[in-house]
């Protein structure tokens, strides 16, 4: 009997028997990638310092609360994006951008949007999971999802009418997208008063894996990743990444 034909009770029993996935070094992660065949365009990775739900930041507190004061989620997102456009022109030059391109750029600099950041590189996802030493007292997580479909562009898709969470590989419109092997899942906006569905529950997700990274190995992993060339300087091109990399090298990143 194929897995797709299992009754819910049998499938649940099998899931309970499976041990949670865990890694303790970079080699463990690469072995998991090979074992579970986590390769190719439909598979993307996300590292998190906390076990946050896989929903975009605009759908988390406190933005979830702020959004309730608007007519709908689109109005809230549009307002945030308009603010970003208004104040970012001096730093982005005169090139015009589409709405989706503005969203990609804004998300990379931390603006809460419907986008959730992913990467095609599992070691870069691992970097994001352990980079912040201030969270070393708690476990990190690394997610891998395989999608049933993906897009190279969403330019023909109206932001208002997106119905399913969609994986998109954006054009290389800035240096961070290139350095991070970045891609995004774009979520449909909930109805007024609704909340976002976690990514792993979305219809177009073929499978998802959640990998635990124990708190006690975070520092060791930072050292391993630095030796492999994964640092703030390489992941965040620009002076802010250079400074963050120097601060970590000369003390902060090695604090217990």
Protein backbone atom coordinates (compact mmCIF):
# COMPACT_ATOMS: atom_id res chain seq x y z
CA UNK A 1 0.00 0.00 0.00
CA UNK A 2 1.39 3.40 -0.92
CA UNK A 3 1.69 6.15 1.70
CA UNK A 4 -0.89 8.23 -0.09
CA UNK A 5 -3.47 5.47 0.47
CA UNK A 6 -2.95 5.09 4.21
CA UNK A 7 -5.91 5.76 6.46
CA UNK A 8 -5.44 8.75 8.81
CA UNK A 9 -5.11 6.49 11.89
CA UNK A 10 -2.35 4.34 10.32
CA UNK A 11 -0.50 7.39 9.02
CA UNK A 12 -0.65 9.02 12.46
CA UNK A 13 0.66 5.85 14.14
CA UNK A 14 3.61 5.72 11.78
CA UNK A 15 4.40 9.39 12.40
CA UNK A 16 4.45 8.78 16.17
CA UNK A 17 7.06 6.02 15.72
CA UNK A 18 9.40 8.24 13.72
CA UNK A 19 12.12 9.91 15.77
CA UNK A 20 12.38 13.69 15.42
CA UNK A 21 15.15 14.68 13.04
CA UNK A 22 18.18 16.25 14.71
CA UNK A 23 21.61 17.42 13.59
CA UNK A 24 24.70 18.25 15.62
CA UNK A 25 27.10 19.39 12.90
CA UNK A 26 27.17 20.43 9.25
CA UNK A 27 27.97 16.89 8.08
CA UNK A 28 24.77 15.61 9.74
CA UNK A 29 22.77 18.11 7.70
CA UNK A 30 24.37 17.10 4.42
CA UNK A 31 23.70 13.44 5.21
CA UNK A 32 20.03 14.23 5.86
CA UNK A 33 19.80 16.12 2.58
CA UNK A 34 21.16 13.07 0.76
CA UNK A 35 19.09 10.54 2.70
CA UNK A 36 15.80 12.34 2.13
CA UNK A 37 16.70 13.40 -1.42
CA UNK A 38 16.27 17.09 -0.62
CA UNK A 39 17.59 18.32 -3.93
CA UNK A 40 16.39 20.15 -6.99
CA UNK A 41 14.31 23.25 -7.67
CA UNK A 42 11.16 22.26 -5.72
CA UNK A 43 13.13 21.91 -2.43
CA UNK A 44 13.99 24.92 -0.28
CA UNK A 45 15.33 25.42 3.25
CA UNK A 46 14.75 27.84 6.10
CA UNK A 47 16.73 28.23 9.33
CA UNK A 48 15.18 29.81 12.43
CA UNK A 49 16.65 30.75 15.80
CA UNK A 50 13.25 29.95 17.34
CA UNK A 51 10.59 27.42 16.53
CA UNK A 52 8.30 30.10 15.09
CA UNK A 53 5.30 29.05 12.99
CA UNK A 54 6.02 29.09 9.26
CA UNK A 55 3.93 32.16 8.56
CA UNK A 56 5.14 35.49 7.13
CA UNK A 57 6.10 38.19 9.60
CA UNK A 58 3.13 40.38 8.70
CA UNK A 59 0.95 37.61 10.15
CA UNK A 60 2.79 37.45 13.51
CA UNK A 61 2.45 39.62 16.57
CA UNK A 62 2.49 42.61 16.81
CA UNK A 63 1.81 43.14 13.10
CA UNK A 64 -1.09 40.68 13.27
CA UNK A 65 -2.76 43.02 15.75
CA UNK A 66 -1.92 46.17 13.77
CA UNK A 67 -3.38 44.68 10.61
CA UNK A 68 -6.78 44.27 12.22
CA UNK A 69 -7.25 48.04 12.08
CA UNK A 70 -7.25 48.08 8.27
CA UNK A 71 -10.03 47.32 5.82
CA UNK A 72 -8.24 44.14 4.72
CA UNK A 73 -4.79 42.53 4.69
CA UNK A 74 -4.01 43.94 1.25
CA UNK A 75 -4.52 47.51 2.50
CA UNK A 76 -2.14 46.90 5.41
CA UNK A 77 0.54 45.35 3.20
CA UNK A 78 0.14 48.15 0.64
CA UNK A 79 0.53 50.79 3.34
CA UNK A 80 3.78 49.24 4.58
CA UNK A 81 5.07 48.92 1.02
CA UNK A 82 4.21 52.55 0.21
CA UNK A 83 6.21 53.65 3.25
CA UNK A 84 9.17 51.57 2.11
CA UNK A 85 9.03 53.02 -1.41
CA UNK A 86 8.83 56.55 -0.07
CA UNK A 87 11.89 56.35 2.16
CA UNK A 88 14.10 53.93 0.21
CA UNK A 89 14.54 55.81 -3.08
CA UNK A 90 17.80 57.53 -2.00
CA UNK A 91 19.36 54.12 -1.38
CA UNK A 92 18.04 52.09 -4.31
CA UNK A 93 18.74 54.41 -7.23
CA UNK A 94 16.32 55.40 -9.97
CA UNK A 95 15.53 51.98 -11.46
CA UNK A 96 11.81 51.28 -11.47
CA UNK A 97 10.51 48.13 -9.84
CA UNK A 98 7.29 46.15 -10.10
CA UNK A 99 5.14 45.57 -7.01
CA UNK A 100 6.55 42.06 -6.59
CA UNK A 101 10.13 43.30 -6.93
CA UNK A 102 9.46 45.94 -4.29
CA UNK A 103 8.19 43.17 -2.02
CA UNK A 104 11.32 41.05 -2.57
CA UNK A 105 13.64 43.97 -1.81
CA UNK A 106 11.62 45.17 1.17
CA UNK A 107 11.48 41.69 2.69
CA UNK A 108 15.24 41.29 2.42
CA UNK A 109 15.66 44.40 4.52
CA UNK A 110 13.18 43.24 7.13
CA UNK A 111 9.85 44.76 6.11
CA UNK A 112 6.93 42.56 7.20
CA UNK A 113 5.15 41.32 4.06
CA UNK A 114 3.32 38.21 2.85
CA UNK A 115 6.70 36.73 1.85
CA UNK A 116 8.59 34.11 3.84
CA UNK A 117 12.34 33.85 3.16
CA UNK A 118 13.91 30.56 2.02
CA UNK A 119 17.16 29.47 0.40
CA UNK A 120 18.11 26.71 -1.98
CA UNK A 121 21.31 26.09 0.02
CA UNK A 122 20.91 23.99 3.20
CA UNK A 123 24.16 25.27 4.74
CA UNK A 124 23.03 28.87 4.31
CA UNK A 125 19.77 27.97 6.02
CA UNK A 126 21.85 26.47 8.83
CA UNK A 127 23.76 29.77 9.11
CA UNK A 128 20.51 31.65 9.66
CA UNK A 129 19.47 29.12 12.30
CA UNK A 130 22.56 29.60 14.49
CA UNK A 131 24.06 32.99 13.56
CA UNK A 132 22.60 35.01 16.45
CA UNK A 133 24.52 34.13 19.62
CA UNK A 134 21.88 35.88 21.75
CA UNK A 135 19.62 32.86 21.23
CA UNK A 136 22.17 30.22 22.20
CA UNK A 137 20.20 29.04 25.23
CA UNK A 138 17.46 27.52 23.11
CA UNK A 139 17.18 25.06 20.25
CA UNK A 140 17.08 26.21 16.64
CA UNK A 141 15.11 24.61 13.83
CA UNK A 142 15.71 24.10 10.15
CA UNK A 143 12.83 23.43 7.78
CA UNK A 144 12.89 21.82 4.36
CA UNK A 145 9.86 21.80 2.10
CA UNK A 146 9.27 20.31 -1.30
CA UNK A 147 6.70 22.08 -3.45
CA UNK A 148 4.47 20.61 -6.14
CA UNK A 149 5.00 23.70 -8.30
CA UNK A 150 7.15 26.81 -8.43
CA UNK A 151 7.56 29.98 -10.48
CA UNK A 152 10.42 32.00 -11.92
CA UNK A 153 8.27 35.13 -11.81
CA UNK A 154 4.97 36.36 -10.37
CA UNK A 155 4.76 39.43 -12.60
CA UNK A 156 1.52 38.23 -14.22
CA UNK A 157 -0.04 37.44 -10.85
CA UNK A 158 -2.22 40.12 -9.25
CA UNK A 159 -1.30 40.42 -5.57
CA UNK A 160 -4.98 40.65 -4.66
CA UNK A 161 -5.99 37.37 -6.27
CA UNK A 162 -3.20 34.95 -5.26
CA UNK A 163 -5.04 31.82 -4.07
CA UNK A 164 -2.31 29.37 -3.06
CA UNK A 165 1.03 29.76 -1.34
CA UNK A 166 3.53 29.88 -4.19
CA UNK A 167 7.29 29.32 -4.33
CA UNK A 168 9.07 31.92 -6.45
CA UNK A 169 12.71 32.22 -7.51
CA UNK A 170 13.08 35.99 -8.03
CA UNK A 171 15.38 37.69 -10.51
CA UNK A 172 18.75 38.72 -9.11
CA UNK A 173 17.66 42.29 -8.46
CA UNK A 174 20.04 42.87 -5.55
CA UNK A 175 23.22 41.42 -4.09
CA UNK A 176 21.54 39.79 -1.08
CA UNK A 177 19.30 37.61 -3.21
CA UNK A 178 22.41 36.37 -5.02
CA UNK A 179 24.52 35.85 -1.88
CA UNK A 180 21.79 34.00 0.00
CA UNK A 181 20.52 31.82 -2.89
CA UNK A 182 17.26 33.38 -1.88
CA UNK A 183 13.73 32.49 -2.81
CA UNK A 184 10.35 33.15 -1.23
CA UNK A 185 7.02 31.58 -0.54
CA UNK A 186 4.32 34.15 -1.32
CA UNK A 187 1.21 33.61 0.77
CA UNK A 188 -2.36 34.40 -0.21
CA UNK A 189 -3.77 37.09 2.05
CA UNK A 190 -6.44 35.87 4.50
CA UNK A 191 -9.91 37.29 4.57
CA UNK A 192 -10.56 40.21 6.89
CA UNK A 193 -9.87 39.08 10.45
CA UNK A 194 -8.32 35.79 9.31
CA UNK A 195 -4.86 34.45 10.02
CA UNK A 196 -2.20 32.94 7.76
CA UNK A 197 -1.98 29.16 7.41
CA UNK A 198 1.50 27.75 8.23
CA UNK A 199 3.52 26.97 5.12
CA UNK A 200 3.78 23.21 5.76
CA UNK A 201 -0.04 22.98 5.71
CA UNK A 202 -0.48 24.68 2.36
CA UNK A 203 -2.02 22.73 -0.52
CA UNK A 204 0.94 22.88 -2.90
CA UNK A 205 3.47 21.51 -0.39
CA UNK A 206 4.37 17.92 -1.30
CA UNK A 207 6.28 17.22 1.93
CA UNK A 208 8.00 19.04 4.77
CA UNK A 209 10.76 18.13 7.22
CA UNK A 210 11.54 19.84 10.51
CA UNK A 211 15.06 19.42 11.87
CA UNK A 212 16.05 20.25 15.45
CA UNK A 213 19.40 21.88 16.26
CA UNK A 214 20.19 21.53 19.99
CA UNK A 215 21.20 24.71 21.81
CA UNK A 216 24.48 23.12 22.93
CA UNK A 217 25.85 22.80 19.38
CA UNK A 218 25.00 26.26 18.05
CA UNK A 219 28.41 27.74 18.86
CA UNK A 220 30.23 24.76 17.31
CA UNK A 221 28.15 25.11 14.18
CA UNK A 222 29.05 28.79 13.84
CA UNK A 223 32.72 27.84 13.94
CA UNK A 224 32.21 25.10 11.32
CA UNK A 225 30.24 27.38 9.03
CA UNK A 226 32.80 30.19 9.32
CA UNK A 227 35.49 27.72 8.24
CA UNK A 228 33.34 26.80 5.24
CA UNK A 229 32.99 30.46 4.21
CA UNK A 230 29.52 31.19 5.61
CA UNK A 231 29.68 34.45 7.56
CA UNK A 232 27.80 37.74 7.84
CA UNK A 233 30.29 39.20 5.37
CA UNK A 234 29.42 36.65 2.68
CA UNK A 235 25.71 36.27 3.45
CA UNK A 236 25.00 40.01 3.83
CA UNK A 237 27.13 41.81 1.21
CA UNK A 238 27.85 45.40 2.21
CA UNK A 239 29.32 47.29 5.13
CA UNK A 240 26.72 46.10 7.63
CA UNK A 241 27.72 42.50 6.88
CA UNK A 242 31.43 43.37 7.13
CA UNK A 243 30.96 44.95 10.56
CA UNK A 244 28.79 42.09 11.83
CA UNK A 245 31.41 39.59 10.71
CA UNK A 246 34.20 41.49 12.49
CA UNK A 247 32.17 41.82 15.69
CA UNK A 248 31.54 38.07 15.70
CA UNK A 249 35.17 37.19 14.97
CA UNK A 250 36.47 39.35 17.80
CA UNK A 251 34.24 38.08 20.56
CA UNK A 252 30.49 38.22 20.22
CA UNK A 253 29.96 35.10 18.16
CA UNK A 254 31.86 32.89 20.58
CA UNK A 255 30.06 33.84 23.79
CA UNK A 256 28.57 30.93 25.64
